[in-house]
Amino acid sequence: MKILILIPTLNAATIIDKQLSKFTNISEDINILIVDSSSNDETLDIVKLYKNDYLLIKRDEFNHATIRNYVIKYQADFYLFLTQDALPVDKYLVENLLKPFNDEEIVISYARQIPYENADATEIFARETNYSAASMIKSQDSLTTLGIKTFFSSNSCAMYRASYFKEVGGFKEGLIMNEDMEFAARAIIDGKKVAYCADAKVWHSHQYNAKDIFKRYFDIGVFFKTNNWILKEVNKYSSTESTGIQQAKNELIYLLKKSPLSIPKSILFSLTKYIAYKAGYNYDKLPLKIRKSLSLHKNYHN
């Protein structure tokens, strides 16, 4: 059972050693490919110590979809994609991600994300909501109960069946983000299944400011505008906008109990997400001057 792990990196010297060390002495059938976007710190020096394969690309060449599609050139039974800031909790990550693939219809198995100790209350809520302690299998039938979350996957830590990945040509070329959702949506509509494996765990959370939130949700808006077929499919069963509103309400209820002082930040971020998403979704309708001042943000390495 050969597994290829691909990790895109950019100035990851503070964490890449911890990440790579988690995969030493597990199995000789695990190979790691690092794709580095011209880091200007010691990232590659550390990678070379582990004797992993690596590719060096120009920073402006990076996007999640195209870089991850490099794996198609390599022979493996499964591809595991990690971001540089997703740190395995234990040595059983690969083993646990493999278990759902006993079902031949499952083509993706993605891991549970545990927030880092320094995560704030909003990040903890996001991880607990999107990555619960209960595993699940998602199929086309899930659209009636899960709505848009049927197509939810993860690019921080997810394993793909290599034969199917190659068969469909991998990720949609050029996507700077949400390549995991687009792939999962195509697979599920194709009659395949996606597994959420709660036993496979990585440390992963963010520390975003309002500017970071705006960038990401602007680009998410552009993504859904250019991949509107996903929303059309989901809206046959439920309203995608109502899902987002309910998520924001649930966050406020959670914070009221756990961290009331975080409520102003939550409200600010929810408004920022909404405005940024709408701006991205209607990007083509914005005045030319504003459009020129806004650009898609390619360097999402985490």
Protein backbone atom coordinates (compact mmCIF):
# COMPACT_ATOMS: atom_id res chain seq x y z
CA MET A 1 0.00 0.00 0.00
CA LYS A 2 2.05 2.94 -1.30
CA ILE A 3 1.22 6.42 -0.03
CA LEU A 4 2.54 9.73 -1.32
CA ILE A 5 2.28 12.73 1.00
CA LEU A 6 2.45 16.17 -0.63
CA ILE A 7 3.10 19.26 1.48
CA PRO A 8 3.28 22.75 -0.09
CA THR A 9 5.58 25.02 1.91
CA LEU A 10 6.43 28.68 2.21
CA ASN A 11 8.71 29.85 5.02
CA ALA A 12 7.74 26.86 7.16
CA ALA A 13 10.98 26.52 9.13
CA THR A 14 9.25 26.95 12.50
CA ILE A 15 7.03 23.89 12.04
CA ILE A 16 8.21 21.66 9.17
CA ASP A 17 10.66 19.74 11.37
CA LYS A 18 7.87 18.82 13.82
CA GLN A 19 5.62 17.81 10.94
CA LEU A 20 8.12 15.64 9.06
CA SER A 21 9.29 13.92 12.24
CA LYS A 22 5.76 12.53 12.68
CA PHE A 23 6.24 10.35 9.60
CA THR A 24 9.66 8.89 10.34
CA ASN A 25 9.90 5.14 10.95
CA ILE A 26 6.19 4.54 10.26
CA SER A 27 6.44 2.67 6.96
CA GLU A 28 8.85 2.35 4.08
CA ASP A 29 5.85 2.61 1.75
CA ILE A 30 5.30 6.27 2.67
CA ASN A 31 7.04 8.88 0.52
CA ILE A 32 6.91 12.64 1.04
CA LEU A 33 7.06 15.31 -1.67
CA ILE A 34 7.64 18.92 -0.61
CA VAL A 35 6.70 21.66 -3.08
CA ASP A 36 8.34 24.84 -1.87
CA SER A 37 7.39 28.32 -3.08
CA SER A 38 10.89 29.80 -2.91
CA SER A 39 11.11 30.09 0.86
CA ASN A 40 13.64 32.59 2.16
CA ASP A 41 14.12 30.89 5.51
CA GLU A 42 15.60 27.46 6.43
CA THR A 43 12.65 25.38 5.20
CA LEU A 44 14.56 23.54 2.48
CA ASP A 45 17.59 22.96 4.71
CA ILE A 46 15.32 21.10 7.12
CA VAL A 47 13.60 19.18 4.31
CA LYS A 48 16.97 18.00 3.00
CA LEU A 49 17.86 16.61 6.42
CA TYR A 50 14.94 14.20 6.07
CA LYS A 51 16.04 13.22 2.55
CA ASN A 52 12.56 13.84 1.15
CA ASP A 53 11.91 14.63 -2.48
CA TYR A 54 11.26 18.30 -3.11
CA LEU A 55 10.41 20.66 -5.93
CA LEU A 56 11.16 24.36 -5.97
CA ILE A 57 8.70 26.70 -7.68
CA LYS A 58 8.43 30.46 -8.04
CA ARG A 59 6.17 32.05 -5.44
CA ASP A 60 3.75 33.45 -8.01
CA GLU A 61 3.31 29.98 -9.54
CA PHE A 62 1.57 28.64 -6.46
CA ASN A 63 -2.07 27.69 -6.19
CA HIS A 64 -3.47 24.78 -4.23
CA ALA A 65 -5.02 22.90 -7.13
CA THR A 66 -2.18 22.95 -9.66
CA ILE A 67 0.53 22.19 -7.09
CA ARG A 68 -1.40 19.26 -5.66
CA ASN A 69 -1.95 17.85 -9.12
CA TYR A 70 1.81 17.21 -9.31
CA VAL A 71 1.08 13.90 -7.56
CA ILE A 72 -0.49 12.49 -10.72
CA LYS A 73 3.03 11.97 -12.09
CA TYR A 74 3.86 9.69 -9.15
CA GLN A 75 2.82 6.09 -8.61
CA ALA A 76 0.91 5.49 -5.38
CA ASP A 77 -2.26 3.86 -4.10
CA PHE A 78 -3.25 6.90 -2.06
CA TYR A 79 -2.33 10.57 -2.01
CA LEU A 80 -2.29 12.45 1.28
CA PHE A 81 -2.38 16.23 1.11
CA LEU A 82 -1.26 18.28 4.11
CA THR A 83 -0.80 21.99 4.66
CA GLN A 84 2.40 23.04 6.38
CA ASP A 85 0.60 24.02 9.58
CA ALA A 86 -1.35 20.76 10.04
CA LEU A 87 0.53 18.73 12.64
CA PRO A 88 -0.42 15.07 13.24
CA VAL A 89 -1.59 14.51 16.81
CA ASP A 90 -0.18 10.97 16.94
CA LYS A 91 1.54 8.31 14.83
CA TYR A 92 -1.75 6.76 13.68
CA LEU A 93 -2.82 9.48 11.23
CA VAL A 94 -2.09 7.54 8.05
CA GLU A 95 -3.41 4.28 9.47
CA ASN A 96 -6.70 5.84 10.51
CA LEU A 97 -7.21 7.75 7.27
CA LEU A 98 -6.81 4.50 5.33
CA LYS A 99 -9.55 2.61 7.19
CA PRO A 100 -12.59 4.05 5.37
CA PHE A 101 -11.18 3.01 1.98
CA ASN A 102 -12.31 -0.56 2.62
CA ASP A 103 -15.48 0.76 1.00
CA GLU A 104 -14.59 0.96 -2.70
CA GLU A 105 -17.01 3.88 -3.25
CA ILE A 106 -15.10 6.13 -0.84
CA VAL A 107 -12.59 8.31 -2.68
CA ILE A 108 -11.69 10.87 0.05
CA SER A 109 -10.95 10.46 3.74
CA TYR A 110 -10.31 13.65 5.68
CA ALA A 111 -9.07 14.18 9.22
CA ARG A 112 -10.42 15.85 12.33
CA GLN A 113 -8.83 19.21 13.16
CA ILE A 114 -7.98 19.97 16.78
CA PRO A 115 -7.36 23.67 17.56
CA TYR A 116 -3.90 24.62 18.80
CA GLU A 117 -3.61 25.68 22.43
CA ASN A 118 -3.35 29.35 21.44
CA ALA A 119 -6.58 29.28 19.39
CA ASP A 120 -9.22 31.82 20.33
CA ALA A 121 -12.86 30.96 21.07
CA THR A 122 -14.08 31.57 17.51
CA GLU A 123 -11.50 29.16 16.12
CA ILE A 124 -12.36 26.57 18.75
CA PHE A 125 -16.04 26.87 17.80
CA ALA A 126 -15.21 26.46 14.10
CA ARG A 127 -13.19 23.31 14.74
CA GLU A 128 -15.75 21.76 17.08
CA THR A 129 -18.56 22.52 14.61
CA ASN A 130 -16.88 21.40 11.41
CA TYR A 131 -14.84 18.55 12.88
CA SER A 132 -16.89 16.75 15.49
CA ALA A 133 -15.91 13.66 17.47
CA ALA A 134 -18.21 11.47 15.36
CA SER A 135 -17.05 10.07 12.03
CA MET A 136 -19.44 10.07 9.07
CA ILE A 137 -19.78 8.95 5.48
CA LYS A 138 -21.24 11.49 3.05
CA SER A 139 -22.97 10.67 -0.21
CA GLN A 140 -25.51 12.28 -2.53
CA ASP A 141 -28.24 11.25 -0.09
CA SER A 142 -26.63 13.53 2.53
CA LEU A 143 -27.68 16.66 0.63
CA THR A 144 -31.15 16.54 2.15
CA THR A 145 -29.79 16.72 5.71
CA LEU A 146 -26.34 18.35 5.43
CA GLY A 147 -26.85 20.76 2.53
CA ILE A 148 -23.64 22.49 1.47
CA LYS A 149 -21.72 20.64 4.20
CA THR A 150 -22.17 17.47 2.16
CA PHE A 151 -19.38 18.77 -0.07
CA PHE A 152 -17.24 19.97 2.82
CA SER A 153 -13.81 18.36 2.89
CA SER A 154 -10.37 19.65 3.89
CA ASN A 155 -7.18 20.61 2.14
CA SER A 156 -5.30 20.73 5.45
CA CYS A 157 -5.33 16.96 5.84
CA ALA A 158 -7.11 14.62 3.45
CA MET A 159 -6.31 11.35 1.69
CA TYR A 160 -7.47 10.51 -1.84
CA ARG A 161 -7.81 7.22 -3.69
CA ALA A 162 -5.12 7.63 -6.35
CA SER A 163 -6.86 5.61 -9.07
CA TYR A 164 -9.97 7.82 -8.95
CA PHE A 165 -7.93 11.00 -8.55
CA LYS A 166 -6.10 10.19 -11.77
CA GLU A 167 -9.24 9.03 -13.55
CA VAL A 168 -10.95 12.42 -13.13
CA GLY A 169 -7.80 14.46 -13.74
CA GLY A 170 -7.26 15.56 -10.14
CA PHE A 171 -8.28 18.99 -8.91
CA LYS A 172 -9.71 21.62 -11.21
CA GLU A 173 -6.66 23.47 -12.50
CA GLY A 174 -6.04 27.00 -11.33
CA LEU A 175 -8.21 27.02 -8.21
CA ILE A 176 -6.50 29.10 -5.54
CA MET A 177 -8.73 27.68 -2.81
CA ASN A 178 -11.71 25.36 -2.20
CA GLU A 179 -10.21 22.82 -4.60
CA ASP A 180 -11.11 20.19 -2.00
CA MET A 181 -14.81 21.15 -2.03
CA GLU A 182 -14.98 21.29 -5.82
CA PHE A 183 -13.44 17.81 -6.07
CA ALA A 184 -15.70 16.39 -3.35
CA ALA A 185 -18.77 17.85 -5.05
CA ARG A 186 -17.85 16.28 -8.39
CA ALA A 187 -17.12 12.95 -6.73
CA ILE A 188 -20.38 12.84 -4.75
CA ILE A 189 -22.47 13.80 -7.78
CA ASP A 190 -20.59 11.02 -9.60
CA GLY A 191 -21.98 8.55 -7.05
CA LYS A 192 -18.87 8.32 -4.88
CA LYS A 193 -18.58 8.89 -1.13
CA VAL A 194 -16.49 11.09 1.19
CA ALA A 195 -15.44 9.91 4.65
CA TYR A 196 -14.87 12.17 7.63
CA CYS A 197 -12.52 10.19 9.89
CA ALA A 198 -12.62 11.59 13.44
CA ASP A 199 -9.99 9.12 14.64
CA ALA A 200 -7.42 10.69 12.31
CA LYS A 201 -6.40 13.94 14.00
CA VAL A 202 -4.19 16.93 13.29
CA TRP A 203 -3.51 20.11 15.20
CA HIS A 204 -4.74 22.95 13.01
CA SER A 205 -6.23 26.39 13.57
CA HIS A 206 -5.64 29.97 12.48
CA GLN A 207 -5.07 33.39 13.99
CA TYR A 208 -6.81 35.68 11.53
CA ASN A 209 -7.41 39.40 11.63
CA ALA A 210 -10.22 41.20 9.80
CA LYS A 211 -8.03 41.80 6.74
CA ASP A 212 -7.22 38.08 6.48
CA ILE A 213 -10.90 37.24 6.80
CA PHE A 214 -11.82 39.69 4.04
CA LYS A 215 -9.23 38.26 1.65
CA ARG A 216 -10.33 34.68 2.17
CA TYR A 217 -14.06 35.31 1.93
CA PHE A 218 -13.66 37.56 -1.08
CA ASP A 219 -11.89 34.69 -2.82
CA ILE A 220 -14.53 32.23 -1.59
CA GLY A 221 -17.14 34.46 -3.22
CA VAL A 222 -15.22 34.42 -6.50
CA PHE A 223 -14.92 30.63 -6.22
CA PHE A 224 -18.68 30.12 -5.87
CA LYS A 225 -19.38 32.59 -8.67
CA THR A 226 -17.14 30.69 -11.06
CA ASN A 227 -18.33 27.31 -9.77
CA ASN A 228 -21.99 28.22 -9.42
CA TRP A 229 -23.06 24.69 -10.31
CA ILE A 230 -22.20 23.66 -6.73
CA LEU A 231 -24.69 26.13 -5.25
CA LYS A 232 -27.32 25.15 -7.80
CA GLU A 233 -26.95 21.51 -6.82
CA VAL A 234 -27.19 22.26 -3.09
CA ASN A 235 -30.11 24.67 -3.49
CA LYS A 236 -32.21 21.82 -4.85
CA TYR A 237 -32.30 20.59 -1.25
CA SER A 238 -31.64 23.57 1.05
CA SER A 239 -30.66 27.24 1.10
CA THR A 240 -26.90 27.81 1.26
CA GLU A 241 -27.38 31.35 2.59
CA SER A 242 -29.51 30.16 5.50
CA THR A 243 -26.73 27.70 6.42
CA GLY A 244 -24.27 30.57 6.80
CA ILE A 245 -26.70 32.65 8.86
CA GLN A 246 -27.38 29.71 11.17
CA GLN A 247 -23.64 29.14 11.61
CA ALA A 248 -23.18 32.77 12.70
CA LYS A 249 -26.08 32.49 15.17
CA ASN A 250 -24.72 29.26 16.62
CA GLU A 251 -21.32 30.90 17.08
CA LEU A 252 -22.85 33.76 19.08
CA ILE A 253 -24.75 31.29 21.29
CA TYR A 254 -21.54 29.35 21.87
CA LEU A 255 -19.56 32.49 22.74
CA LEU A 256 -22.28 33.73 25.08
CA LYS A 257 -21.68 30.60 27.16
CA LYS A 258 -17.93 30.14 26.71
CA SER A 259 -16.36 33.51 25.95
CA PRO A 260 -18.65 36.58 26.05
CA LEU A 261 -15.75 38.96 25.50
CA SER A 262 -15.25 37.40 22.04
CA ILE A 263 -18.73 38.38 20.86
CA PRO A 264 -17.75 41.80 19.38
CA LYS A 265 -14.99 40.11 17.37
CA SER A 266 -17.42 37.44 16.20
CA ILE A 267 -19.93 40.05 15.01
CA LEU A 268 -17.19 42.01 13.22
CA PHE A 269 -15.87 38.89 11.52
CA SER A 270 -19.36 37.71 10.51
CA LEU A 271 -20.09 41.07 8.89
CA THR A 272 -16.68 41.04 7.20
CA LYS A 273 -17.29 37.53 5.85
CA TYR A 274 -20.68 38.52 4.46
CA ILE A 275 -19.46 41.72 2.79
CA ALA A 276 -16.33 40.07 1.40
CA TYR A 277 -18.27 37.07 0.08
CA LYS A 278 -20.83 39.28 -1.64
CA ALA A 279 -18.07 41.45 -3.14
CA GLY A 280 -16.27 38.37 -4.46
CA TYR A 281 -19.44 36.77 -5.80
CA ASN A 282 -20.30 40.00 -7.63
CA TYR A 283 -16.72 40.74 -8.64
CA ASP A 284 -17.65 41.17 -12.30
CA LYS A 285 -20.23 43.83 -11.40
CA LEU A 286 -17.89 46.02 -9.38
CA PRO A 287 -16.64 49.31 -10.89
CA LEU A 288 -13.43 48.84 -12.86
CA LYS A 289 -11.44 51.02 -10.47
CA ILE A 290 -12.43 48.86 -7.50
CA ARG A 291 -11.82 45.64 -9.43
CA LYS A 292 -8.27 46.73 -10.21
CA SER A 293 -7.62 47.37 -6.52
CA LEU A 294 -8.77 43.86 -5.62
CA SER A 295 -6.82 40.81 -6.69
CA LEU A 296 -7.09 37.13 -5.96
CA HIS A 297 -4.78 36.00 -3.22
CA LYS A 298 -2.67 33.02 -4.26
CA ASN A 299 -0.35 32.29 -1.36
CA TYR A 300 -2.66 30.32 0.92
CA HIS A 301 -0.19 27.74 2.21
CA ASN A 302 -2.20 27.11 5.38
